[in-house]
Protein backbone atom coordinates (compact mmCIF):
# COMPACT_ATOMS: atom_id res chain seq x y z
CA MET A 1 2.97 4.24 9.35
CA GLU A 2 6.93 2.92 8.21
CA ASP A 3 6.06 -0.37 5.98
CA GLU A 4 8.10 -2.74 9.04
CA GLU A 5 5.40 -1.89 11.32
CA TYR A 6 2.81 -2.10 8.90
CA GLU A 7 3.48 -5.54 8.11
CA GLU A 8 4.15 -6.76 11.53
CA LEU A 9 0.83 -5.38 12.46
CA THR A 10 -1.35 -6.96 10.33
CA SER A 11 0.80 -10.23 9.69
CA SER A 12 -0.48 -10.03 13.80
CA LEU A 13 -4.39 -8.98 13.17
CA THR A 14 -6.78 -11.55 12.46
CA PRO A 15 -8.80 -10.51 9.14
CA HIS A 16 -12.20 -10.06 9.39
CA GLU A 17 -13.57 -8.88 5.69
CA SER A 18 -12.68 -7.32 2.72
CA ALA A 19 -15.27 -5.58 0.39
CA GLY A 20 -15.83 -2.45 -1.70
CA GLY A 21 -12.00 -0.99 -0.87
CA VAL A 22 -12.35 -1.75 2.81
CA THR A 23 -10.60 -4.84 4.86
CA THR A 24 -11.14 -5.05 8.02
CA TYR A 25 -9.09 -6.96 10.71
CA ARG A 26 -9.78 -8.45 14.45
CA ASN A 27 -7.39 -7.08 17.49
CA THR A 28 -7.86 -10.89 19.01
CA VAL A 29 -4.22 -10.40 20.92
CA ALA A 30 -5.13 -7.16 22.33
CA ILE A 31 -2.17 -5.28 20.31
CA ALA A 32 -1.78 -1.31 21.32
CA CYS A 33 -2.94 1.21 19.24
CA PRO A 34 0.25 3.31 17.47
CA ALA A 35 -1.61 6.50 17.99
CA CYS A 36 -3.05 6.24 21.99
CA GLY A 37 -1.01 3.27 23.51
CA GLU A 38 -4.64 1.63 24.84
CA PRO A 39 -5.72 -2.43 22.85
CA PHE A 40 -8.18 -1.37 20.23
CA ASP A 41 -10.60 -4.12 18.93
CA ASP A 42 -10.59 -4.17 14.80
CA LEU A 43 -8.39 -2.09 12.40
CA VAL A 44 -9.85 -0.96 8.66
CA ILE A 45 -8.33 -0.31 5.77
CA CYS A 46 -9.63 2.10 2.99
CA GLU A 47 -7.72 1.05 0.06
CA ASP A 48 -9.72 3.19 -2.19
CA GLU A 49 -9.49 7.51 -2.75
CA TYR A 50 -12.78 7.22 -1.73
CA ASN A 51 -15.05 5.00 1.02
CA SER A 52 -18.23 4.87 2.77
CA LEU A 53 -18.37 3.53 6.21
CA GLU A 54 -21.71 2.57 7.64
CA LEU A 55 -21.14 2.32 11.98
CA SER A 56 -23.73 0.07 13.81
CA MET A 57 -22.39 1.39 16.76
CA LEU A 58 -20.63 4.47 18.55
CA LEU A 59 -16.70 3.65 18.24
CA ASP A 60 -13.91 6.18 19.37
CA LEU A 61 -11.28 6.19 15.85
CA CYS A 62 -7.84 6.62 16.03
CA VAL A 63 -6.54 7.21 12.27
CA THR A 64 -3.22 6.78 10.61
CA THR A 65 -1.85 6.37 7.41
CA HIS A 66 0.75 3.61 5.10
CA GLU A 67 0.95 4.54 1.84
CA ASP A 68 -2.04 5.86 0.02
CA GLU A 69 -4.11 3.50 2.73
CA VAL A 70 -6.33 5.27 5.75
CA LEU A 71 -6.23 2.87 8.98
CA LEU A 72 -8.71 3.34 11.10
CA PHE A 73 -8.10 1.92 14.64
CA THR A 74 -11.70 1.30 16.38
CA HIS A 75 -12.40 1.50 20.18
CA LYS A 76 -15.54 0.28 21.35
CA HIS A 77 -17.48 2.21 24.09
């Protein structure tokens, strides 16, 4: 993902939580997922080399990268 696209995306989303090398944003404006084109629910940015995510629900995930970060786009069932 290019820097300009990343900045536009993160500035359009609602910050939700940041802890332990993971930052989450809520997609309150129905932006389309860059991977599948469907609106996504949350953007999870994994900033550290290793991250552990505990999922409390079944989700479809789309994935991309920006620099050294992994970006996960969640789609709830």
